C-alpha atoms as a PDB file:
ATOM      1  CA  MET A   1      90.867  81.431 127.239  1.00  0.00           C
ATOM      2  CA  SER A   2      89.707  81.414 123.626  1.00  0.00           C
ATOM      3  CA  LYS A   3      86.084  81.640 122.594  1.00  0.00           C
ATOM      4  CA  PRO A   4      84.340  78.226 122.553  1.00  0.00           C
ATOM      5  CA  ILE A   5      83.067  76.796 119.285  1.00  0.00           C
ATOM      6  CA  ASN A   6      79.384  77.188 118.411  1.00  0.00           C
ATOM      7  CA  PRO A   7      77.423  74.232 119.882  1.00  0.00           C
ATOM      8  CA  TYR A   8      75.548  73.730 116.592  1.00  0.00           C
ATOM      9  CA  ILE A   9      78.841  73.209 114.752  1.00  0.00           C
ATOM     10  CA  VAL A  10      79.817  70.668 117.403  1.00  0.00           C
ATOM     11  CA  LEU A  11      76.442  68.967 116.912  1.00  0.00           C
ATOM     12  CA  ALA A  12      76.952  68.788 113.133  1.00  0.00           C
ATOM     13  CA  LEU A  13      80.440  67.342 113.540  1.00  0.00           C
ATOM     14  CA  ALA A  14      79.177  64.762 116.038  1.00  0.00           C
ATOM     15  CA  ILE A  15      76.503  63.653 113.581  1.00  0.00           C
ATOM     16  CA  VAL A  16      78.982  63.325 110.703  1.00  0.00           C
ATOM     17  CA  LEU A  17      81.797  61.497 112.510  1.00  0.00           C
ATOM     18  CA  PRO A  18      81.812  59.818 115.931  1.00  0.00           C
ATOM     19  CA  GLY A  19      84.039  61.665 118.378  1.00  0.00           C
ATOM     20  CA  ALA A  20      84.590  64.675 116.108  1.00  0.00           C
ATOM     21  CA  GLY A  21      82.202  66.848 118.091  1.00  0.00           C
ATOM     22  CA  HIS A  22      84.069  66.155 121.302  1.00  0.00           C
ATOM     23  CA  VAL A  23      87.407  66.891 119.657  1.00  0.00           C
ATOM     24  CA  ALA A  24      86.049  70.198 118.315  1.00  0.00           C
ATOM     25  CA  ALA A  25      84.769  71.046 121.798  1.00  0.00           C
ATOM     26  CA  ARG A  26      88.319  70.560 123.138  1.00  0.00           C
ATOM     27  CA  ASP A  27      87.645  67.219 124.817  1.00  0.00           C
ATOM     28  CA  ALA A  28      89.819  65.037 122.610  1.00  0.00           C
ATOM     29  CA  THR A  29      90.250  62.213 125.113  1.00  0.00           C
ATOM     30  CA  ARG A  30      86.508  61.713 125.422  1.00  0.00           C
ATOM     31  CA  GLY A  31      86.054  61.998 121.656  1.00  0.00           C
ATOM     32  CA  LEU A  32      88.695  59.409 120.903  1.00  0.00           C
ATOM     33  CA  ALA A  33      87.218  57.114 123.545  1.00  0.00           C
ATOM     34  CA  PHE A  34      83.798  57.375 121.891  1.00  0.00           C
ATOM     35  CA  ALA A  35      85.343  56.680 118.464  1.00  0.00           C
ATOM     36  CA  PHE A  36      87.203  53.654 119.863  1.00  0.00           C
ATOM     37  CA  PHE A  37      84.056  52.203 121.428  1.00  0.00           C
ATOM     38  CA  VAL A  38      82.035  52.803 118.252  1.00  0.00           C
ATOM     39  CA  VAL A  39      84.549  50.709 116.326  1.00  0.00           C
ATOM     40  CA  LEU A  40      84.848  48.111 119.091  1.00  0.00           C
ATOM     41  CA  PHE A  41      81.119  47.532 119.472  1.00  0.00           C
ATOM     42  CA  SER A  42      80.614  47.552 115.702  1.00  0.00           C
ATOM     43  CA  VAL A  43      83.173  44.776 115.374  1.00  0.00           C
ATOM     44  CA  ILE A  44      81.667  42.815 118.266  1.00  0.00           C
ATOM     45  CA  THR A  45      78.121  42.976 116.914  1.00  0.00           C
ATOM     46  CA  TYR A  46      79.360  42.219 113.394  1.00  0.00           C
ATOM     47  CA  ALA A  47      81.175  39.133 114.656  1.00  0.00           C
ATOM     48  CA  THR A  48      78.228  37.860 116.691  1.00  0.00           C
ATOM     49  CA  THR A  49      75.480  38.275 114.086  1.00  0.00           C
ATOM     50  CA  THR A  50      74.673  36.190 111.048  1.00  0.00           C
ATOM     51  CA  PRO A  51      75.043  37.356 107.447  1.00  0.00           C
ATOM     52  CA  ASP A  52      71.234  37.359 107.224  1.00  0.00           C
ATOM     53  CA  GLN A  53      71.094  40.538 109.317  1.00  0.00           C
ATOM     54  CA  SER A  54      70.907  43.984 107.761  1.00  0.00           C
ATOM     55  CA  PHE A  55      73.764  46.486 107.896  1.00  0.00           C
ATOM     56  CA  ILE A  56      72.055  48.255 110.807  1.00  0.00           C
ATOM     57  CA  GLY A  57      71.652  44.987 112.683  1.00  0.00           C
ATOM     58  CA  ARG A  58      75.237  43.937 112.102  1.00  0.00           C
ATOM     59  CA  HIS A  59      76.619  47.247 113.411  1.00  0.00           C
ATOM     60  CA  ALA A  60      73.971  48.055 116.025  1.00  0.00           C
ATOM     61  CA  GLY A  61      76.413  48.240 118.936  1.00  0.00           C
ATOM     62  CA  GLY A  62      78.582  50.861 117.290  1.00  0.00           C
ATOM     63  CA  LEU A  63      75.613  52.841 116.028  1.00  0.00           C
ATOM     64  CA  PHE A  64      74.163  52.870 119.542  1.00  0.00           C
ATOM     65  CA  VAL A  65      77.363  54.321 121.032  1.00  0.00           C
ATOM     66  CA  TRP A  66      77.526  56.847 118.186  1.00  0.00           C
ATOM     67  CA  ALA A  67      73.933  57.891 118.914  1.00  0.00           C
ATOM     68  CA  LEU A  68      74.841  58.389 122.583  1.00  0.00           C
ATOM     69  CA  SER A  69      77.853  60.530 121.694  1.00  0.00           C
ATOM     70  CA  ILE A  70      75.833  63.062 119.665  1.00  0.00           C
ATOM     71  CA  PRO A  71      73.821  64.672 122.498  1.00  0.00           C
ATOM     72  CA  ASP A  72      76.794  64.327 124.840  1.00  0.00           C
ATOM     73  CA  ALA A  73      79.046  66.402 122.563  1.00  0.00           C
ATOM     74  CA  TYR A  74      76.332  69.024 122.060  1.00  0.00           C
ATOM     75  CA  ARG A  75      75.613  69.258 125.790  1.00  0.00           C
ATOM     76  CA  ARG A  76      79.300  69.707 126.608  1.00  0.00           C
ATOM     77  CA  ALA A  77      79.708  72.414 123.956  1.00  0.00           C
ATOM     78  CA  ARG A  78      76.592  74.193 125.193  1.00  0.00           C
ATOM     79  CA  MET A  79      77.921  74.147 128.779  1.00  0.00           C
ATOM     80  CA  GLN A  80      81.263  75.550 127.600  1.00  0.00           C
ATOM     81  CA  ALA A  81      79.493  78.341 125.708  1.00  0.00           C
ATOM     82  CA  ALA A  82      77.323  79.196 128.720  1.00  0.00           C
ATOM     83  CA  THR A  83      80.338  79.222 131.031  1.00  0.00           C
ATOM     84  CA  ALA A  84      82.274  81.485 128.651  1.00  0.00           C
ATOM     85  CA  GLN A  85      79.313  83.844 128.320  1.00  0.00           C
ATOM     86  CA  ARG A  86      78.892  84.015 132.089  1.00  0.00           C
ATOM     87  CA  ALA A  87      82.593  84.812 132.536  1.00  0.00           C
ATOM     88  CA  THR A  88      82.375  87.909 130.327  1.00  0.00           C
END
């Protein structure tokens, strides 16, 4: 098995783009699911809010899912790194 990616790189990718951290940590299905739900909940909250709301308010659902995906990607990468280190 190849060496796992540095968890801090995964963290940076997860902050920049939803799902990218999971994809980098070799969990593409989970990453794409997070990206899908970010878009889905952004569209839902955009459609159900009024134009008077701020950008954050109109996309709050997607931003919330994105915020949940960041520590999840980092935690998974950290567990992979610890498992790989223990195996050596």
